[in-house]
Protein backbone atom coordinates (compact mmCIF):
# COMPACT_ATOMS: atom_id res chain seq x y z
CA UNK A 1 41.24 -31.02 -10.92
CA UNK A 2 45.01 -31.65 -10.64
CA UNK A 3 45.81 -30.03 -14.00
CA UNK A 4 48.88 -28.03 -15.04
CA UNK A 5 48.12 -25.12 -17.35
CA UNK A 6 50.93 -22.99 -18.79
CA UNK A 7 51.68 -20.13 -21.17
CA UNK A 8 48.18 -19.24 -22.29
CA UNK A 9 45.33 -16.79 -21.92
CA UNK A 10 41.92 -17.69 -20.50
CA UNK A 11 39.01 -15.36 -21.26
CA UNK A 12 35.22 -15.22 -21.48
CA UNK A 13 34.08 -18.49 -19.91
CA UNK A 14 30.27 -18.72 -19.72
CA UNK A 15 29.89 -21.58 -17.20
CA UNK A 16 27.92 -20.95 -14.02
CA UNK A 17 30.14 -22.78 -11.51
CA UNK A 18 33.92 -23.13 -11.47
CA UNK A 19 35.86 -25.57 -9.33
CA UNK A 20 39.68 -25.58 -9.40
CA UNK A 21 41.40 -28.03 -7.07
CA UNK A 22 45.08 -28.98 -6.93
CA UNK A 23 45.88 -27.21 -10.21
CA UNK A 24 49.04 -25.40 -11.27
CA UNK A 25 48.89 -22.27 -13.42
CA UNK A 26 52.18 -20.85 -14.77
CA UNK A 27 52.37 -17.75 -16.98
CA UNK A 28 48.61 -17.69 -17.51
CA UNK A 29 46.64 -14.52 -18.25
CA UNK A 30 43.14 -14.54 -16.76
CA UNK A 31 41.40 -11.66 -18.55
CA UNK A 32 37.66 -11.14 -18.08
CA UNK A 33 37.31 -14.86 -17.50
CA UNK A 34 33.91 -14.60 -15.89
CA UNK A 35 31.49 -12.95 -18.29
CA UNK A 36 28.89 -12.93 -15.57
CA UNK A 37 26.09 -15.33 -14.86
CA UNK A 38 23.60 -14.69 -12.11
CA UNK A 39 24.38 -16.95 -9.16
CA UNK A 40 27.85 -17.80 -10.43
CA UNK A 41 30.26 -19.45 -8.00
CA UNK A 42 34.01 -19.83 -7.98
CA UNK A 43 35.89 -22.30 -5.75
CA UNK A 44 39.70 -22.43 -5.78
CA UNK A 45 41.49 -24.90 -3.49
CA UNK A 46 45.10 -26.00 -3.13
CA UNK A 47 46.22 -24.39 -6.39
CA UNK A 48 49.51 -22.75 -7.34
CA UNK A 49 49.77 -19.67 -9.54
CA UNK A 50 53.17 -18.44 -10.84
CA UNK A 51 53.67 -15.29 -12.92
CA UNK A 52 49.97 -15.06 -13.69
CA UNK A 53 47.96 -11.92 -14.50
CA UNK A 54 44.37 -11.38 -13.38
CA UNK A 55 41.89 -8.77 -14.59
CA UNK A 56 38.14 -9.26 -14.17
CA UNK A 57 34.93 -7.43 -13.32
CA UNK A 58 32.79 -10.59 -13.14
CA UNK A 59 30.30 -9.13 -15.59
CA UNK A 60 29.00 -6.88 -12.83
CA UNK A 61 27.21 -9.81 -11.17
CA UNK A 62 27.54 -10.99 -7.59
CA UNK A 63 29.76 -14.07 -7.43
CA UNK A 64 30.05 -16.51 -4.53
CA UNK A 65 33.79 -16.97 -3.96
CA UNK A 66 35.64 -19.49 -1.82
CA UNK A 67 39.41 -19.78 -1.97
CA UNK A 68 41.43 -21.91 0.44
CA UNK A 69 45.08 -23.01 0.70
CA UNK A 70 46.36 -21.46 -2.53
CA UNK A 71 49.76 -19.95 -3.36
CA UNK A 72 50.39 -17.02 -5.70
CA UNK A 73 54.01 -16.25 -6.74
CA UNK A 74 54.84 -12.99 -8.51
CA UNK A 75 51.31 -12.53 -9.84
CA UNK A 76 49.64 -9.30 -10.96
CA UNK A 77 46.06 -8.40 -10.07
CA UNK A 78 44.79 -5.34 -11.92
CA UNK A 79 41.39 -3.83 -12.65
CA UNK A 80 39.46 -6.26 -10.44
CA UNK A 81 35.89 -5.42 -9.44
CA UNK A 82 34.30 -8.07 -7.22
CA UNK A 83 30.76 -8.03 -5.79
CA UNK A 84 29.99 -10.73 -3.23
CA UNK A 85 26.55 -10.10 -1.84
CA UNK A 86 24.86 -13.51 -2.27
CA UNK A 87 26.28 -15.09 0.87
CA UNK A 88 29.53 -14.81 2.78
CA UNK A 89 32.48 -15.36 0.49
CA UNK A 90 35.79 -16.41 2.04
CA UNK A 91 39.44 -16.12 1.09
CA UNK A 92 41.45 -18.06 3.66
CA UNK A 93 44.95 -19.46 4.14
CA UNK A 94 46.36 -18.01 0.92
CA UNK A 95 50.00 -17.05 0.31
CA UNK A 96 50.79 -14.06 -1.87
CA UNK A 97 54.54 -13.82 -2.51
CA UNK A 98 55.83 -10.73 -4.36
CA UNK A 99 52.43 -10.01 -5.91
CA UNK A 100 51.13 -6.62 -7.06
CA UNK A 101 47.55 -5.38 -6.79
CA UNK A 102 46.32 -2.26 -8.60
CA UNK A 103 42.87 -0.73 -9.12
CA UNK A 104 41.00 -3.23 -6.97
CA UNK A 105 37.40 -2.94 -5.71
CA UNK A 106 36.09 -5.64 -3.33
CA UNK A 107 32.50 -5.27 -2.12
CA UNK A 108 30.13 -7.49 -0.18
CA UNK A 109 30.03 -10.05 2.56
CA UNK A 110 33.68 -10.99 2.09
CA UNK A 111 36.09 -12.32 4.75
CA UNK A 112 39.85 -12.29 4.21
CA UNK A 113 41.75 -14.31 6.81
CA UNK A 114 44.98 -16.21 7.26
CA UNK A 115 46.45 -14.62 4.13
CA UNK A 116 50.23 -14.54 4.25
CA UNK A 117 51.39 -11.57 2.19
CA UNK A 118 55.13 -11.19 1.66
CA UNK A 119 56.65 -8.61 -0.67
CA UNK A 120 54.83 -6.66 -3.35
CA UNK A 121 52.35 -3.82 -3.19
CA UNK A 122 48.74 -2.72 -3.40
CA UNK A 123 47.76 0.57 -5.01
CA UNK A 124 44.31 2.10 -5.45
CA UNK A 125 42.17 -0.40 -3.57
CA UNK A 126 38.72 -0.06 -2.03
CA UNK A 127 37.47 -2.84 0.26
CA UNK A 128 33.99 -2.74 1.79
CA UNK A 129 33.36 -6.08 3.37
CA UNK A 130 32.96 -8.12 6.50
CA UNK A 131 36.40 -8.67 8.05
CA UNK A 132 40.13 -8.73 7.36
CA UNK A 133 41.79 -10.63 10.20
CA UNK A 134 44.79 -12.70 11.29
CA UNK A 135 46.86 -11.87 8.21
CA UNK A 136 50.66 -11.63 8.49
CA UNK A 137 51.79 -8.93 6.04
CA UNK A 138 55.52 -8.28 5.56
CA UNK A 139 57.71 -6.15 3.28
CA UNK A 140 54.67 -4.64 1.58
CA UNK A 141 53.60 -1.22 0.27
CA UNK A 142 50.00 -0.01 0.67
CA UNK A 143 49.08 3.15 -1.25
CA UNK A 144 45.71 4.84 -1.80
CA UNK A 145 43.79 2.13 0.07
CA UNK A 146 40.43 2.38 1.86
CA UNK A 147 39.27 -0.49 4.09
CA UNK A 148 35.66 -0.31 5.34
CA UNK A 149 35.00 -3.15 7.76
CA UNK A 150 36.60 -4.97 10.65
CA UNK A 151 40.44 -4.86 10.46
CA UNK A 152 41.57 -7.07 13.35
CA UNK A 153 44.52 -9.09 14.68
CA UNK A 154 46.78 -8.59 11.67
CA UNK A 155 50.56 -8.57 12.00
CA UNK A 156 52.14 -5.89 9.81
CA UNK A 157 55.92 -5.95 9.55
CA UNK A 158 57.94 -3.53 7.44
CA UNK A 159 54.79 -2.21 5.76
CA UNK A 160 54.82 1.22 4.16
CA UNK A 161 51.49 3.09 4.36
CA UNK A 162 50.75 5.93 1.92
CA UNK A 163 47.29 7.47 2.06
CA UNK A 164 45.63 4.46 3.73
CA UNK A 165 42.38 4.72 5.70
CA UNK A 166 40.51 2.16 7.80
CA UNK A 167 36.85 2.92 8.54
CA UNK A 168 35.14 0.52 10.92
CA UNK A 169 36.65 -1.51 13.72
CA UNK A 170 40.41 -1.64 14.24
CA UNK A 171 41.72 -3.84 17.04
CA UNK A 172 44.58 -6.10 17.98
CA UNK A 173 46.80 -5.20 15.02
CA UNK A 174 50.56 -5.40 15.57
CA UNK A 175 52.95 -3.03 13.77
CA UNK A 176 56.65 -3.87 13.51
CA UNK A 177 59.07 -1.51 11.72
CA UNK A 178 56.29 0.07 9.64
CA UNK A 179 56.60 3.49 8.03
CA UNK A 180 53.80 5.88 8.81
CA UNK A 181 50.44 4.32 9.58
CA UNK A 182 46.88 4.49 8.37
CA UNK A 183 44.16 6.91 9.32
CA UNK A 184 41.48 5.22 11.43
CA UNK A 185 37.82 6.26 11.69
CA UNK A 186 35.68 4.28 14.14
CA UNK A 187 32.35 3.12 12.71
CA UNK A 188 30.34 0.25 14.21
CA UNK A 189 28.05 0.05 11.15
């Protein structure tokens, strides 16, 4: 809690539960941090990440994730595979500023809401979860993305869509100065 961690690499932690609150991470590489423990949980609140790199598959185990009120500046997320089937995981009120996401798989009972995404891109992403809603997304590129779930009440401004598909429920989204759009397939399941 309330720690500042800089210029290092964190890998292979074997603890069952992680709690980060009020911490600052600058130039930190998080590489396969979670080796995978059954029933593992991760809680991140009110933290700041600058120029950090994330790559993790969580040991193939289902992880309960809660993340609230965090800020990510110019971070890279690559080769992430997340399974969240234990109970509903939530990522809420997070700012991603000029971040890049590549080769991302998010599966499970996962809600993404109130995320402010400004600048950056996402490429090769597959999301199969509960809901993505009320997220303002600006100056962003989405390429080779599949969203299976409820995609609702998002504000997308100056977003470029390249080979993007939403399968599920799509309602209340607002598009401002976007290039192209995504393919939508209605599916109530």
